[in-house]
N, C-alpha and C. Protein backbone atom coordinates (compact mmCIF):
# COMPACT_ATOMS: atom_id res chain seq x y z
N MET A 1 16.05 -3.60 35.61
CA MET A 1 16.13 -4.02 35.08
C MET A 1 15.52 -3.20 34.22
N LEU A 2 15.13 -2.81 32.75
CA LEU A 2 14.57 -2.31 32.04
C LEU A 2 13.83 -3.14 31.21
N ARG A 3 12.32 -3.74 31.35
CA ARG A 3 11.89 -4.07 30.30
C ARG A 3 11.02 -3.82 29.15
N ILE A 4 11.34 -4.17 28.20
CA ILE A 4 10.35 -3.52 26.56
C ILE A 4 9.50 -4.65 26.50
N ARG A 5 8.37 -3.77 26.30
CA ARG A 5 7.08 -5.47 25.90
C ARG A 5 7.64 -4.57 24.47
N MET A 6 6.63 -5.61 23.87
CA MET A 6 7.23 -6.62 22.51
C MET A 6 4.77 -6.48 21.83
N ARG A 7 5.53 -5.38 20.76
CA ARG A 7 3.86 -6.07 20.59
C ARG A 7 4.13 -6.93 18.58
N MET A 8 2.48 -7.38 19.23
CA MET A 8 3.10 -8.27 17.80
C MET A 8 2.14 -7.85 16.49
N ILE A 9 2.76 -6.97 16.05
CA ILE A 9 2.06 -6.94 14.11
C ILE A 9 1.86 -8.20 13.29
N PRO A 10 0.47 -7.73 13.55
CA PRO A 10 0.33 -8.99 12.78
C PRO A 10 -0.09 -9.10 10.49
N ASP A 11 0.38 -9.96 10.25
CA ASP A 11 0.75 -9.73 8.27
C ASP A 11 0.20 -8.90 8.29
N ARG A 12 0.20 -7.55 7.40
CA ARG A 12 -0.93 -7.01 6.29
C ARG A 12 -0.24 -6.99 5.38
N ALA A 13 -1.58 -6.51 4.35
CA ALA A 13 -0.85 -6.72 3.38
C ALA A 13 -0.65 -4.86 2.44
N VAL A 14 0.14 -5.41 1.70
CA VAL A 14 1.09 -4.44 1.87
C VAL A 14 0.52 -4.21 -0.16
N PHE A 15 0.42 -2.85 0.00
CA PHE A 15 -0.51 -2.57 -2.02
C PHE A 15 0.57 -0.95 -2.74
N THR A 16 1.70 -1.27 -3.22
CA THR A 16 2.30 -0.39 -3.55
C THR A 16 1.98 0.98 -4.38
N VAL A 17 1.74 1.69 -4.76
CA VAL A 17 1.64 2.80 -5.95
C VAL A 17 3.48 2.85 -6.47
N ALA A 18 3.86 2.20 -7.76
CA ALA A 18 4.75 3.08 -8.12
C ALA A 18 5.30 2.75 -9.38
N ARG A 19 6.05 3.96 -10.05
CA ARG A 19 6.30 3.51 -11.13
C ARG A 19 6.06 2.11 -12.39
N HIS A 20 6.08 1.90 -13.04
CA HIS A 20 6.13 -0.02 -13.44
C HIS A 20 5.58 0.26 -15.51
N ASN A 21 7.18 0.51 -15.85
CA ASN A 21 6.66 0.84 -17.18
C ASN A 21 5.85 1.61 -18.37
N GLY A 22 6.87 3.01 -17.30
CA GLY A 22 6.51 3.92 -17.90
C GLY A 22 5.27 4.59 -17.09
N VAL A 23 4.49 4.45 -16.56
CA VAL A 23 3.20 4.54 -15.88
C VAL A 23 3.04 4.24 -14.30
N TRP A 24 2.50 5.05 -13.81
CA TRP A 24 1.67 4.34 -12.43
C TRP A 24 1.24 2.67 -12.22
N ALA A 25 1.59 2.59 -11.33
CA ALA A 25 0.40 1.61 -11.06
C ALA A 25 0.94 0.76 -10.24
N VAL A 26 -0.30 -0.41 -9.67
CA VAL A 26 -0.17 -0.35 -8.06
C VAL A 26 0.33 -2.19 -8.02
N GLU A 27 1.65 -2.38 -7.28
CA GLU A 27 2.16 -3.61 -6.79
C GLU A 27 1.46 -3.84 -5.64
N HIS A 28 1.55 -4.96 -5.71
CA HIS A 28 0.70 -6.13 -4.56
C HIS A 28 1.03 -8.03 -4.63
N ASP A 29 1.88 -8.33 -3.69
CA ASP A 29 2.52 -9.13 -3.58
C ASP A 29 3.13 -9.95 -5.21
N GLY A 30 4.10 -8.91 -5.85
CA GLY A 30 4.38 -8.84 -6.96
C GLY A 30 3.80 -9.10 -8.24
N GLU A 31 2.54 -8.69 -8.53
CA GLU A 31 1.93 -8.75 -9.09
C GLU A 31 0.88 -6.76 -9.47
N PHE A 32 1.10 -6.53 -10.82
CA PHE A 32 1.34 -5.23 -11.18
C PHE A 32 0.07 -4.80 -12.35
N PHE A 33 -1.15 -4.41 -11.63
CA PHE A 33 -2.16 -4.10 -11.60
C PHE A 33 -2.54 -2.00 -11.88
N GLY A 34 -4.04 -2.17 -12.12
CA GLY A 34 -4.24 -0.77 -11.98
C GLY A 34 -3.47 0.37 -12.90
N HIS A 35 -2.63 -0.14 -13.94
CA HIS A 35 -2.12 0.38 -15.04
C HIS A 35 -2.57 2.03 -14.70
N SER A 36 -2.14 2.78 -15.45
CA SER A 36 -2.47 4.79 -15.68
C SER A 36 -2.10 5.65 -15.23
N SER A 37 -1.63 6.08 -16.49
CA SER A 37 -0.87 7.53 -16.49
C SER A 37 -0.87 8.66 -15.57
N ASP A 38 -1.94 8.37 -14.11
CA ASP A 38 -2.45 9.65 -13.54
C ASP A 38 -2.54 8.71 -12.17
N LYS A 39 -0.57 9.09 -11.99
CA LYS A 39 -0.66 8.79 -10.38
C LYS A 39 -1.47 8.96 -9.53
N GLU A 40 -2.71 9.83 -9.07
CA GLU A 40 -4.44 9.45 -8.69
C GLU A 40 -4.83 8.61 -9.09
N VAL A 41 -5.26 8.55 -9.78
CA VAL A 41 -6.45 7.28 -10.28
C VAL A 41 -5.66 6.23 -9.96
N ALA A 42 -3.80 4.96 -9.81
CA ALA A 42 -3.40 4.52 -8.54
C ALA A 42 -3.96 4.37 -7.79
N LYS A 43 -3.19 5.89 -7.01
CA LYS A 43 -4.04 5.93 -5.91
C LYS A 43 -4.77 5.44 -5.39
N ALA A 44 -6.07 5.07 -5.59
CA ALA A 44 -7.28 5.07 -5.71
C ALA A 44 -7.90 3.46 -6.71
N GLU A 45 -7.02 3.19 -7.29
CA GLU A 45 -6.90 1.21 -7.37
C GLU A 45 -6.47 1.39 -6.01
N ALA A 46 -5.59 1.06 -5.01
CA ALA A 46 -4.59 0.45 -4.31
C ALA A 46 -5.43 0.61 -3.03
N CYS A 47 -6.00 2.12 -2.59
CA CYS A 47 -7.26 2.90 -2.09
C CYS A 47 -8.59 1.42 -2.23
N LYS A 48 -8.58 1.26 -3.25
CA LYS A 48 -9.52 0.01 -3.33
C LYS A 48 -10.13 -0.97 -2.99
N ARG A 49 -8.59 -1.55 -3.39
CA ARG A 49 -8.03 -3.22 -3.35
C ARG A 49 -7.91 -3.06 -2.23
N ALA A 50 -7.39 -2.05 -1.14
CA ALA A 50 -6.64 -2.50 0.75
C ALA A 50 -8.44 -2.38 1.62
N ARG A 51 -8.85 -1.43 1.05
CA ARG A 51 -9.96 -1.79 1.59
C ARG A 51 -10.76 -2.72 1.54
N ALA A 52 -11.07 -3.74 0.40
CA ALA A 52 -11.95 -5.11 -0.20
C ALA A 52 -11.00 -5.67 1.14
N SER A 53 -10.12 -5.47 1.23
CA SER A 53 -9.05 -6.07 1.44
C SER A 53 -8.97 -6.42 3.55
N GLN A 54 -9.29 -5.53 3.56
CA GLN A 54 -9.15 -5.01 4.51
C GLN A 54 -10.91 -5.18 5.55
N ASP A 55 -11.42 -5.38 4.66
CA ASP A 55 -13.34 -5.42 5.60
C ASP A 55 -13.08 -6.43 5.16
N LYS A 56 -12.35 -8.16 4.49
CA LYS A 56 -12.45 -9.20 5.03
C LYS A 56 -11.54 -9.80 5.38
N GLY A 57 -11.16 -8.87 6.03
CA GLY A 57 -10.47 -8.89 7.85
C GLY A 57 -8.36 -8.89 8.00
N ARG A 58 -7.80 -8.63 6.49
CA ARG A 58 -6.86 -8.58 6.90
C ARG A 58 -6.49 -6.84 6.11
N PRO A 59 -5.27 -6.61 7.61
CA PRO A 59 -4.76 -5.49 7.91
C PRO A 59 -3.87 -4.73 6.39
N CYS A 60 -3.79 -4.17 6.11
CA CYS A 60 -3.39 -3.13 4.85
C CYS A 60 -2.38 -1.93 4.88
N GLN A 61 -2.05 -1.53 3.90
CA GLN A 61 -1.12 -0.36 4.44
C GLN A 61 -0.67 0.24 2.68
N VAL A 62 -0.93 1.49 2.70
CA VAL A 62 -0.85 1.68 1.33
C VAL A 62 -0.02 1.74 0.85
N ARG A 63 1.01 1.85 0.18
CA ARG A 63 2.54 3.07 0.37
C ARG A 63 2.81 3.84 -1.00
N VAL A 64 2.77 5.25 -1.18
CA VAL A 64 3.46 5.64 -2.26
C VAL A 64 4.79 6.51 -2.39
N SER A 65 5.32 5.30 -3.65
CA SER A 65 6.32 5.33 -4.44
C SER A 65 6.62 7.23 -3.82
N GLY A 66 8.15 7.69 -3.45
CA GLY A 66 8.60 8.73 -3.23
C GLY A 66 7.54 9.71 -2.62
N GLU A 67 6.29 8.98 -2.13
CA GLU A 67 5.63 10.06 -0.64
C GLU A 67 6.06 9.62 0.63
N HIS A 68 6.51 10.43 2.04
CA HIS A 68 6.34 9.70 2.80
C HIS A 68 5.38 10.27 4.10
N GLY A 69 3.83 10.67 3.14
CA GLY A 69 2.68 10.55 4.26
C GLY A 69 2.24 11.38 5.10
N PHE A 70 3.29 12.68 4.98
CA PHE A 70 3.10 13.93 6.16
C PHE A 70 3.75 15.23 4.69
N ALA A 71 2.67 16.29 5.69
CA ALA A 71 3.09 17.49 4.94
C ALA A 71 4.65 18.18 5.01
N GLY A 72 4.92 18.95 5.28
CA GLY A 72 6.55 20.06 5.76
C GLY A 72 6.23 21.43 6.26
């Protein structure tokens, strides 16, 4: 019999950097903020907010629309 161990994944705060109304913005729980014409500025805002959430004890994830998190 094959036994599979399931791992519980805690609820994460997900901050997504994506295009919104023609500029880059960060989306979290349906709210957009950190609007910028520069994608790197929006990414920095997402990381700042994620760090604050992480410091309060909530696991976080930052996603960037169109990026996969690895270089080929």
